[in-house]
Amino acid sequence: MSEVRDNAARQRYELEVEGGLVFSDYVRQGNKLLITHTETPPALQGRGLAGQLVRGMLADVRARGLKIVPLCSYIVDYFNRHPEDRDLLAE
């Protein structure tokens, strides 16, 4: 299984898989990450990779004591489907 990484230089979390790259862009403001865009290449859609990316991203965010501000519709939908992770949402 591929590993989710924080590419701080590009301000995004990335999941590299055979055939492409799934990523979520962010802007860091203090202890908050504003997630602005999540993208899965069309050829990779429907395989659960964006969910895998978000789970890895949230594990890292939790470990670093950060909070999420979801500005991307995919991330908003993710938190609606996964109330157990809502503690990571910024006030």
PDB file of N, CA and C in Angstrom:
ATOM      1  N   MET A   1       0.848  -1.188   0.000  1.00  0.00           N
ATOM      2  CA  MET A   1       0.000   0.000   0.000  1.00  0.00           C
ATOM      3  C   MET A   1       0.889   1.246   0.000  1.00  0.00           C
ATOM      4  N   SER A   2       0.521   2.226  -0.780  1.00  0.00           N
ATOM      5  CA  SER A   2       1.290   3.456  -0.864  1.00  0.00           C
ATOM      6  C   SER A   2       1.099   4.295   0.391  1.00  0.00           C
ATOM      7  N   GLU A   3       2.067   5.150   0.643  1.00  0.00           N
ATOM      8  CA  GLU A   3       2.035   5.974   1.831  1.00  0.00           C
ATOM      9  C   GLU A   3       1.678   7.415   1.476  1.00  0.00           C
ATOM     10  N   VAL A   4       0.818   8.002   2.296  1.00  0.00           N
ATOM     11  CA  VAL A   4       0.445   9.402   2.128  1.00  0.00           C
ATOM     12  C   VAL A   4       1.572  10.256   2.697  1.00  0.00           C
ATOM     13  N   ARG A   5       1.964  11.286   1.956  1.00  0.00           N
ATOM     14  CA  ARG A   5       3.028  12.155   2.448  1.00  0.00           C
ATOM     15  C   ARG A   5       2.602  13.620   2.339  1.00  0.00           C
ATOM     16  N   ASP A   6       3.126  14.412   3.258  1.00  0.00           N
ATOM     17  CA  ASP A   6       2.915  15.850   3.229  1.00  0.00           C
ATOM     18  C   ASP A   6       4.040  16.461   2.403  1.00  0.00           C
ATOM     19  N   ASN A   7       3.713  16.964   1.246  1.00  0.00           N
ATOM     20  CA  ASN A   7       4.685  17.661   0.410  1.00  0.00           C
ATOM     21  C   ASN A   7       4.562  19.145   0.754  1.00  0.00           C
ATOM     22  N   ALA A   8       5.246  19.555   1.827  1.00  0.00           N
ATOM     23  CA  ALA A   8       5.123  20.924   2.335  1.00  0.00           C
ATOM     24  C   ALA A   8       5.567  21.958   1.307  1.00  0.00           C
ATOM     25  N   ALA A   9       6.541  21.618   0.490  1.00  0.00           N
ATOM     26  CA  ALA A   9       7.031  22.552  -0.530  1.00  0.00           C
ATOM     27  C   ALA A   9       5.930  22.907  -1.533  1.00  0.00           C
ATOM     28  N   ARG A  10       5.053  21.952  -1.822  1.00  0.00           N
ATOM     29  CA  ARG A  10       3.948  22.189  -2.775  1.00  0.00           C
ATOM     30  C   ARG A  10       2.632  22.430  -2.059  1.00  0.00           C
ATOM     31  N   GLN A  11       2.655  22.412  -0.717  1.00  0.00           N
ATOM     32  CA  GLN A  11       1.465  22.603   0.113  1.00  0.00           C
ATOM     33  C   GLN A  11       0.341  21.654  -0.284  1.00  0.00           C
ATOM     34  N   ARG A  12       0.681  20.365  -0.224  1.00  0.00           N
ATOM     35  CA  ARG A  12      -0.352  19.375  -0.498  1.00  0.00           C
ATOM     36  C   ARG A  12       0.050  18.027   0.076  1.00  0.00           C
ATOM     37  N   TYR A  13      -0.969  17.236   0.368  1.00  0.00           N
ATOM     38  CA  TYR A  13      -0.764  15.842   0.737  1.00  0.00           C
ATOM     39  C   TYR A  13      -0.877  15.035  -0.537  1.00  0.00           C
ATOM     40  N   GLU A  14      -0.020  14.022  -0.659  1.00  0.00           N
ATOM     41  CA  GLU A  14       0.041  13.237  -1.894  1.00  0.00           C
ATOM     42  C   GLU A  14      -0.010  11.743  -1.603  1.00  0.00           C
ATOM     43  N   LEU A  15      -0.633  11.038  -2.510  1.00  0.00           N
ATOM     44  CA  LEU A  15      -0.646   9.577  -2.505  1.00  0.00           C
ATOM     45  C   LEU A  15      -0.257   9.164  -3.917  1.00  0.00           C
ATOM     46  N   GLU A  16       0.957   8.643  -4.053  1.00  0.00           N
ATOM     47  CA  GLU A  16       1.438   8.223  -5.364  1.00  0.00           C
ATOM     48  C   GLU A  16       1.114   6.748  -5.558  1.00  0.00           C
ATOM     49  N   VAL A  17       0.436   6.453  -6.645  1.00  0.00           N
ATOM     50  CA  VAL A  17       0.082   5.071  -6.970  1.00  0.00           C
ATOM     51  C   VAL A  17       0.452   4.818  -8.423  1.00  0.00           C
ATOM     52  N   GLU A  18       0.499   3.554  -8.782  1.00  0.00           N
ATOM     53  CA  GLU A  18       0.781   3.240 -10.172  1.00  0.00           C
ATOM     54  C   GLU A  18      -0.295   3.874 -11.040  1.00  0.00           C
ATOM     55  N   GLY A  19       0.125   4.688 -11.966  1.00  0.00           N
ATOM     56  CA  GLY A  19      -0.828   5.340 -12.855  1.00  0.00           C
ATOM     57  C   GLY A  19      -1.092   6.792 -12.524  1.00  0.00           C
ATOM     58  N   GLY A  20      -0.548   7.297 -11.414  1.00  0.00           N
ATOM     59  CA  GLY A  20      -0.777   8.711 -11.149  1.00  0.00           C
ATOM     60  C   GLY A  20      -0.626   9.124  -9.703  1.00  0.00           C
ATOM     61  N   LEU A  21      -1.108  10.323  -9.442  1.00  0.00           N
ATOM     62  CA  LEU A  21      -0.957  10.953  -8.139  1.00  0.00           C
ATOM     63  C   LEU A  21      -2.306  11.506  -7.690  1.00  0.00           C
ATOM     64  N   VAL A  22      -2.716  11.130  -6.488  1.00  0.00           N
ATOM     65  CA  VAL A  22      -3.917  11.674  -5.860  1.00  0.00           C
ATOM     66  C   VAL A  22      -3.421  12.706  -4.854  1.00  0.00           C
ATOM     67  N   PHE A  23      -4.064  13.881  -4.789  1.00  0.00           N
ATOM     68  CA  PHE A  23      -3.551  14.896  -3.867  1.00  0.00           C
ATOM     69  C   PHE A  23      -4.644  15.806  -3.339  1.00  0.00           C
ATOM     70  N   SER A  24      -4.342  16.434  -2.202  1.00  0.00           N
ATOM     71  CA  SER A  24      -5.172  17.487  -1.610  1.00  0.00           C
ATOM     72  C   SER A  24      -4.286  18.693  -1.355  1.00  0.00           C
ATOM     73  N   ASP A  25      -4.666  19.816  -1.949  1.00  0.00           N
ATOM     74  CA  ASP A  25      -3.947  21.069  -1.735  1.00  0.00           C
ATOM     75  C   ASP A  25      -4.398  21.706  -0.430  1.00  0.00           C
ATOM     76  N   TYR A  26      -3.482  22.402   0.228  1.00  0.00           N
ATOM     77  CA  TYR A  26      -3.846  23.113   1.448  1.00  0.00           C
ATOM     78  C   TYR A  26      -3.096  24.428   1.560  1.00  0.00           C
ATOM     79  N   VAL A  27      -3.633  25.281   2.416  1.00  0.00           N
ATOM     80  CA  VAL A  27      -2.962  26.510   2.829  1.00  0.00           C
ATOM     81  C   VAL A  27      -2.865  26.414   4.345  1.00  0.00           C
ATOM     82  N   ARG A  28      -1.657  26.586   4.864  1.00  0.00           N
ATOM     83  CA  ARG A  28      -1.483  26.502   6.313  1.00  0.00           C
ATOM     84  C   ARG A  28      -1.619  27.893   6.922  1.00  0.00           C
ATOM     85  N   GLN A  29      -2.454  27.990   7.945  1.00  0.00           N
ATOM     86  CA  GLN A  29      -2.618  29.226   8.707  1.00  0.00           C
ATOM     87  C   GLN A  29      -2.485  28.857  10.179  1.00  0.00           C
ATOM     88  N   GLY A  30      -1.306  29.083  10.736  1.00  0.00           N
ATOM     89  CA  GLY A  30      -1.069  28.720  12.133  1.00  0.00           C
ATOM     90  C   GLY A  30      -1.197  27.218  12.307  1.00  0.00           C
ATOM     91  N   ASN A  31      -2.119  26.801  13.192  1.00  0.00           N
ATOM     92  CA  ASN A  31      -2.314  25.363  13.430  1.00  0.00           C
ATOM     93  C   ASN A  31      -3.473  24.803  12.606  1.00  0.00           C
ATOM     94  N   LYS A  32      -3.890  25.539  11.580  1.00  0.00           N
ATOM     95  CA  LYS A  32      -4.998  25.097  10.727  1.00  0.00           C
ATOM     96  C   LYS A  32      -4.499  24.824   9.309  1.00  0.00           C
ATOM     97  N   LEU A  33      -5.070  23.779   8.726  1.00  0.00           N
ATOM     98  CA  LEU A  33      -4.850  23.498   7.302  1.00  0.00           C
ATOM     99  C   LEU A  33      -6.170  23.730   6.582  1.00  0.00           C
ATOM    100  N   LEU A  34      -6.183  24.683   5.691  1.00  0.00           N
ATOM    101  CA  LEU A  34      -7.357  24.947   4.864  1.00  0.00           C
ATOM    102  C   LEU A  34      -7.218  24.070   3.623  1.00  0.00           C
ATOM    103  N   ILE A  35      -8.046  23.046   3.524  1.00  0.00           N
ATOM    104  CA  ILE A  35      -7.966  22.116   2.391  1.00  0.00           C
ATOM    105  C   ILE A  35      -8.788  22.707   1.249  1.00  0.00           C
ATOM    106  N   THR A  36      -8.099  23.087   0.175  1.00  0.00           N
ATOM    107  CA  THR A  36      -8.745  23.849  -0.896  1.00  0.00           C
ATOM    108  C   THR A  36      -9.158  23.016  -2.108  1.00  0.00           C
ATOM    109  N   HIS A  37      -8.515  21.857  -2.301  1.00  0.00           N
ATOM    110  CA  HIS A  37      -8.798  21.093  -3.525  1.00  0.00           C
ATOM    111  C   HIS A  37      -8.285  19.668  -3.353  1.00  0.00           C
ATOM    112  N   THR A  38      -9.077  18.710  -3.779  1.00  0.00           N
ATOM    113  CA  THR A  38      -8.650  17.305  -3.800  1.00  0.00           C
ATOM    114  C   THR A  38      -8.869  16.778  -5.212  1.00  0.00           C
ATOM    115  N   GLU A  39      -7.874  16.052  -5.719  1.00  0.00           N
ATOM    116  CA  GLU A  39      -7.969  15.586  -7.101  1.00  0.00           C
ATOM    117  C   GLU A  39      -7.484  14.151  -7.246  1.00  0.00           C
ATOM    118  N   THR A  40      -8.284  13.385  -7.965  1.00  0.00           N
ATOM    119  CA  THR A  40      -7.919  12.034  -8.365  1.00  0.00           C
ATOM    120  C   THR A  40      -7.970  11.989  -9.887  1.00  0.00           C
ATOM    121  N   PRO A  41      -6.890  11.577 -10.547  1.00  0.00           N
ATOM    122  CA  PRO A  41      -6.932  11.485 -12.012  1.00  0.00           C
ATOM    123  C   PRO A  41      -8.085  10.577 -12.459  1.00  0.00           C
ATOM    124  N   PRO A  42      -8.744  10.917 -13.560  1.00  0.00           N
ATOM    125  CA  PRO A  42      -9.895  10.140 -14.022  1.00  0.00           C
ATOM    126  C   PRO A  42      -9.631   8.636 -14.109  1.00  0.00           C
ATOM    127  N   ALA A  43      -8.454   8.245 -14.550  1.00  0.00           N
ATOM    128  CA  ALA A  43      -8.147   6.818 -14.703  1.00  0.00           C
ATOM    129  C   ALA A  43      -8.077   6.081 -13.363  1.00  0.00           C
ATOM    130  N   LEU A  44      -7.942   6.831 -12.266  1.00  0.00           N
ATOM    131  CA  LEU A  44      -7.809   6.217 -10.940  1.00  0.00           C
ATOM    132  C   LEU A  44      -9.074   6.332 -10.102  1.00  0.00           C
ATOM    133  N   GLN A  45     -10.085   6.999 -10.618  1.00  0.00           N
ATOM    134  CA  GLN A  45     -11.308   7.203  -9.841  1.00  0.00           C
ATOM    135  C   GLN A  45     -12.058   5.901  -9.613  1.00  0.00           C
ATOM    136  N   GLY A  46     -12.800   5.859  -8.514  1.00  0.00           N
ATOM    137  CA  GLY A  46     -13.616   4.696  -8.199  1.00  0.00           C
ATOM    138  C   GLY A  46     -12.870   3.584  -7.485  1.00  0.00           C
ATOM    139  N   ARG A  47     -11.639   3.845  -7.051  1.00  0.00           N
ATOM    140  CA  ARG A  47     -10.835   2.823  -6.378  1.00  0.00           C
ATOM    141  C   ARG A  47     -10.622   3.115  -4.888  1.00  0.00           C
ATOM    142  N   GLY A  48     -11.266   4.189  -4.389  1.00  0.00           N
ATOM    143  CA  GLY A  48     -11.133   4.520  -2.981  1.00  0.00           C
ATOM    144  C   GLY A  48      -9.840   5.226  -2.621  1.00  0.00           C
ATOM    145  N   LEU A  49      -9.124   5.706  -3.627  1.00  0.00           N
ATOM    146  CA  LEU A  49      -7.817   6.314  -3.368  1.00  0.00           C
ATOM    147  C   LEU A  49      -7.927   7.672  -2.678  1.00  0.00           C
ATOM    148  N   ALA A  50      -8.935   8.456  -3.023  1.00  0.00           N
ATOM    149  CA  ALA A  50      -9.094   9.757  -2.349  1.00  0.00           C
ATOM    150  C   ALA A  50      -9.391   9.538  -0.868  1.00  0.00           C
ATOM    151  N   GLY A  51     -10.201   8.540  -0.558  1.00  0.00           N
ATOM    152  CA  GLY A  51     -10.471   8.222   0.841  1.00  0.00           C
ATOM    153  C   GLY A  51      -9.213   7.780   1.569  1.00  0.00           C
ATOM    154  N   GLN A  52      -8.399   6.989   0.899  1.00  0.00           N
ATOM    155  CA  GLN A  52      -7.122   6.545   1.479  1.00  0.00           C
ATOM    156  C   GLN A  52      -6.224   7.750   1.734  1.00  0.00           C
ATOM    157  N   LEU A  53      -6.184   8.676   0.773  1.00  0.00           N
ATOM    158  CA  LEU A  53      -5.409   9.901   0.934  1.00  0.00           C
ATOM    159  C   LEU A  53      -5.887  10.681   2.154  1.00  0.00           C
ATOM    160  N   VAL A  54      -7.189  10.871   2.269  1.00  0.00           N
ATOM    161  CA  VAL A  54      -7.727  11.670   3.372  1.00  0.00           C
ATOM    162  C   VAL A  54      -7.460  10.994   4.711  1.00  0.00           C
ATOM    163  N   ARG A  55      -7.616   9.685   4.794  1.00  0.00           N
ATOM    164  CA  ARG A  55      -7.328   8.983   6.059  1.00  0.00           C
ATOM    165  C   ARG A  55      -5.867   9.179   6.473  1.00  0.00           C
ATOM    166  N   GLY A  56      -4.952   9.089   5.514  1.00  0.00           N
ATOM    167  CA  GLY A  56      -3.542   9.316   5.809  1.00  0.00           C
ATOM    168  C   GLY A  56      -3.267  10.755   6.216  1.00  0.00           C
ATOM    169  N   MET A  57      -3.913  11.676   5.520  1.00  0.00           N
ATOM    170  CA  MET A  57      -3.755  13.091   5.845  1.00  0.00           C
ATOM    171  C   MET A  57      -4.264  13.371   7.261  1.00  0.00           C
ATOM    172  N   LEU A  58      -5.431  12.844   7.595  1.00  0.00           N
ATOM    173  CA  LEU A  58      -6.003  13.099   8.917  1.00  0.00           C
ATOM    174  C   LEU A  58      -5.160  12.470  10.024  1.00  0.00           C
ATOM    175  N   ALA A  59      -4.567  11.320   9.774  1.00  0.00           N
ATOM    176  CA  ALA A  59      -3.686  10.698  10.771  1.00  0.00           C
ATOM    177  C   ALA A  59      -2.489  11.611  11.040  1.00  0.00           C
ATOM    178  N   ASP A  60      -1.936  12.200   9.984  1.00  0.00           N
ATOM    179  CA  ASP A  60      -0.806  13.108  10.139  1.00  0.00           C
ATOM    180  C   ASP A  60      -1.229  14.387  10.855  1.00  0.00           C
ATOM    181  N   VAL A  61      -2.367  14.927  10.473  1.00  0.00           N
ATOM    182  CA  VAL A  61      -2.896  16.143  11.100  1.00  0.00           C
ATOM    183  C   VAL A  61      -3.106  15.910  12.597  1.00  0.00           C
ATOM    184  N   ARG A  62      -3.696  14.764  12.936  1.00  0.00           N
ATOM    185  CA  ARG A  62      -3.940  14.423  14.343  1.00  0.00           C
ATOM    186  C   ARG A  62      -2.617  14.310  15.103  1.00  0.00           C
ATOM    187  N   ALA A  63      -1.638  13.647  14.524  1.00  0.00           N
ATOM    188  CA  ALA A  63      -0.343  13.441  15.178  1.00  0.00           C
ATOM    189  C   ALA A  63       0.384  14.769  15.407  1.00  0.00           C
ATOM    190  N   ARG A  64       0.136  15.733  14.536  1.00  0.00           N
ATOM    191  CA  ARG A  64       0.816  17.029  14.635  1.00  0.00           C
ATOM    192  C   ARG A  64       0.014  18.065  15.411  1.00  0.00           C
ATOM    193  N   GLY A  65      -1.174  17.696  15.885  1.00  0.00           N
ATOM    194  CA  GLY A  65      -1.980  18.617  16.673  1.00  0.00           C
ATOM    195  C   GLY A  65      -2.584  19.758  15.871  1.00  0.00           C
ATOM    196  N   LEU A  66      -2.831  19.509  14.582  1.00  0.00           N
ATOM    197  CA  LEU A  66      -3.404  20.534  13.710  1.00  0.00           C
ATOM    198  C   LEU A  66      -4.919  20.347  13.595  1.00  0.00           C
ATOM    199  N   LYS A  67      -5.562  21.308  12.961  1.00  0.00           N
ATOM    200  CA  LYS A  67      -6.997  21.238  12.694  1.00  0.00           C
ATOM    201  C   LYS A  67      -7.231  21.479  11.208  1.00  0.00           C
ATOM    202  N   ILE A  68      -8.378  21.029  10.731  1.00  0.00           N
ATOM    203  CA  ILE A  68      -8.754  21.116   9.312  1.00  0.00           C
ATOM    204  C   ILE A  68      -9.880  22.128   9.121  1.00  0.00           C
ATOM    205  N   VAL A  69      -9.753  22.918   8.059  1.00  0.00           N
ATOM    206  CA  VAL A  69     -10.845  23.756   7.575  1.00  0.00           C
ATOM    207  C   VAL A  69     -11.165  23.237   6.170  1.00  0.00           C
ATOM    208  N   PRO A  70     -12.280  22.509   6.015  1.00  0.00           N
ATOM    209  CA  PRO A  70     -12.595  21.921   4.703  1.00  0.00           C
ATOM    210  C   PRO A  70     -13.223  22.941   3.755  1.00  0.00           C
ATOM    211  N   LEU A  71     -12.494  23.315   2.721  1.00  0.00           N
ATOM    212  CA  LEU A  71     -12.996  24.246   1.713  1.00  0.00           C
ATOM    213  C   LEU A  71     -13.258  23.542   0.392  1.00  0.00           C
ATOM    214  N   CYS A  72     -12.946  22.277   0.336  1.00  0.00           N
ATOM    215  CA  CYS A  72     -13.114  21.459  -0.865  1.00  0.00           C
ATOM    216  C   CYS A  72     -14.325  20.543  -0.641  1.00  0.00           C
ATOM    217  N   SER A  73     -15.162  20.401  -1.644  1.00  0.00           N
ATOM    218  CA  SER A  73     -16.402  19.628  -1.483  1.00  0.00           C
ATOM    219  C   SER A  73     -16.130  18.171  -1.107  1.00  0.00           C
ATOM    220  N   TYR A  74     -15.062  17.581  -1.610  1.00  0.00           N
ATOM    221  CA  TYR A  74     -14.774  16.182  -1.260  1.00  0.00           C
ATOM    222  C   TYR A  74     -14.494  16.055   0.235  1.00  0.00           C
ATOM    223  N   ILE A  75     -13.739  16.984   0.791  1.00  0.00           N
ATOM    224  CA  ILE A  75     -13.392  16.930   2.209  1.00  0.00           C
ATOM    225  C   ILE A  75     -14.631  17.192   3.065  1.00  0.00           C
ATOM    226  N   VAL A  76     -15.481  18.124   2.654  1.00  0.00           N
ATOM    227  CA  VAL A  76     -16.746  18.364   3.358  1.00  0.00           C
ATOM    228  C   VAL A  76     -17.566  17.072   3.384  1.00  0.00           C
ATOM    229  N   ASP A  77     -17.690  16.415   2.221  1.00  0.00           N
ATOM    230  CA  ASP A  77     -18.434  15.158   2.135  1.00  0.00           C
ATOM    231  C   ASP A  77     -17.806  14.079   3.013  1.00  0.00           C
ATOM    232  N   TYR A  78     -16.475  14.027   3.045  1.00  0.00           N
ATOM    233  CA  TYR A  78     -15.781  13.027   3.864  1.00  0.00           C
ATOM    234  C   TYR A  78     -16.169  13.188   5.333  1.00  0.00           C
ATOM    235  N   PHE A  79     -16.126  14.414   5.834  1.00  0.00           N
ATOM    236  CA  PHE A  79     -16.474  14.640   7.239  1.00  0.00           C
ATOM    237  C   PHE A  79     -17.952  14.354   7.503  1.00  0.00           C
ATOM    238  N   ASN A  80     -18.818  14.582   6.528  1.00  0.00           N
ATOM    239  CA  ASN A  80     -20.233  14.233   6.689  1.00  0.00           C
ATOM    240  C   ASN A  80     -20.416  12.722   6.798  1.00  0.00           C
ATOM    241  N   ARG A  81     -19.600  11.960   6.090  1.00  0.00           N
ATOM    242  CA  ARG A  81     -19.687  10.490   6.115  1.00  0.00           C
ATOM    243  C   ARG A  81     -18.922   9.884   7.289  1.00  0.00           C
ATOM    244  N   HIS A  82     -18.011  10.641   7.891  1.00  0.00           N
ATOM    245  CA  HIS A  82     -17.148  10.116   8.959  1.00  0.00           C
ATOM    246  C   HIS A  82     -17.166  11.038  10.183  1.00  0.00           C
ATOM    247  N   PRO A  83     -18.292  11.016  10.922  1.00  0.00           N
ATOM    248  CA  PRO A  83     -18.400  11.909  12.088  1.00  0.00           C
ATOM    249  C   PRO A  83     -17.338  11.625  13.156  1.00  0.00           C
ATOM    250  N   GLU A  84     -16.764  10.433  13.139  1.00  0.00           N
ATOM    251  CA  GLU A  84     -15.730  10.084  14.123  1.00  0.00           C
ATOM    252  C   GLU A  84     -14.465  10.926  13.965  1.00  0.00           C
ATOM    253  N   ASP A  85     -14.318  11.588  12.831  1.00  0.00           N
ATOM    254  CA  ASP A  85     -13.134  12.420  12.599  1.00  0.00           C
ATOM    255  C   ASP A  85     -13.410  13.914  12.779  1.00  0.00           C
ATOM    256  N   ARG A  86     -14.625  14.271  13.154  1.00  0.00           N
ATOM    257  CA  ARG A  86     -14.978  15.695  13.235  1.00  0.00           C
ATOM    258  C   ARG A  86     -14.237  16.455  14.317  1.00  0.00           C
ATOM    259  N   ASP A  87     -13.590  15.736  15.246  1.00  0.00           N
ATOM    260  CA  ASP A  87     -12.777  16.422  16.259  1.00  0.00           C
ATOM    261  C   ASP A  87     -11.610  17.166  15.618  1.00  0.00           C
ATOM    262  N   LEU A  88     -11.280  16.831  14.374  1.00  0.00           N
ATOM    263  CA  LEU A  88     -10.183  17.494  13.675  1.00  0.00           C
ATOM    264  C   LEU A  88     -10.596  18.779  12.976  1.00  0.00           C
ATOM    265  N   LEU A  89     -11.898  19.073  12.988  1.00  0.00           N
ATOM    266  CA  LEU A  89     -12.368  20.295  12.348  1.00  0.00           C
ATOM    267  C   LEU A  89     -12.056  21.502  13.217  1.00  0.00           C
ATOM    268  N   ALA A  90     -11.564  22.569  12.603  1.00  0.00           N
ATOM    269  CA  ALA A  90     -11.309  23.821  13.325  1.00  0.00           C
ATOM    270  C   ALA A  90     -12.654  24.428  13.730  1.00  0.00           C
ATOM    271  N   GLU A  91     -12.643  25.118  14.839  1.00  0.00           N
ATOM    272  CA  GLU A  91     -13.861  25.787  15.328  1.00  0.00           C
ATOM    273  C   GLU A  91     -14.275  26.877  14.363  1.00  0.00           C
TER     274      GLU A  91
END
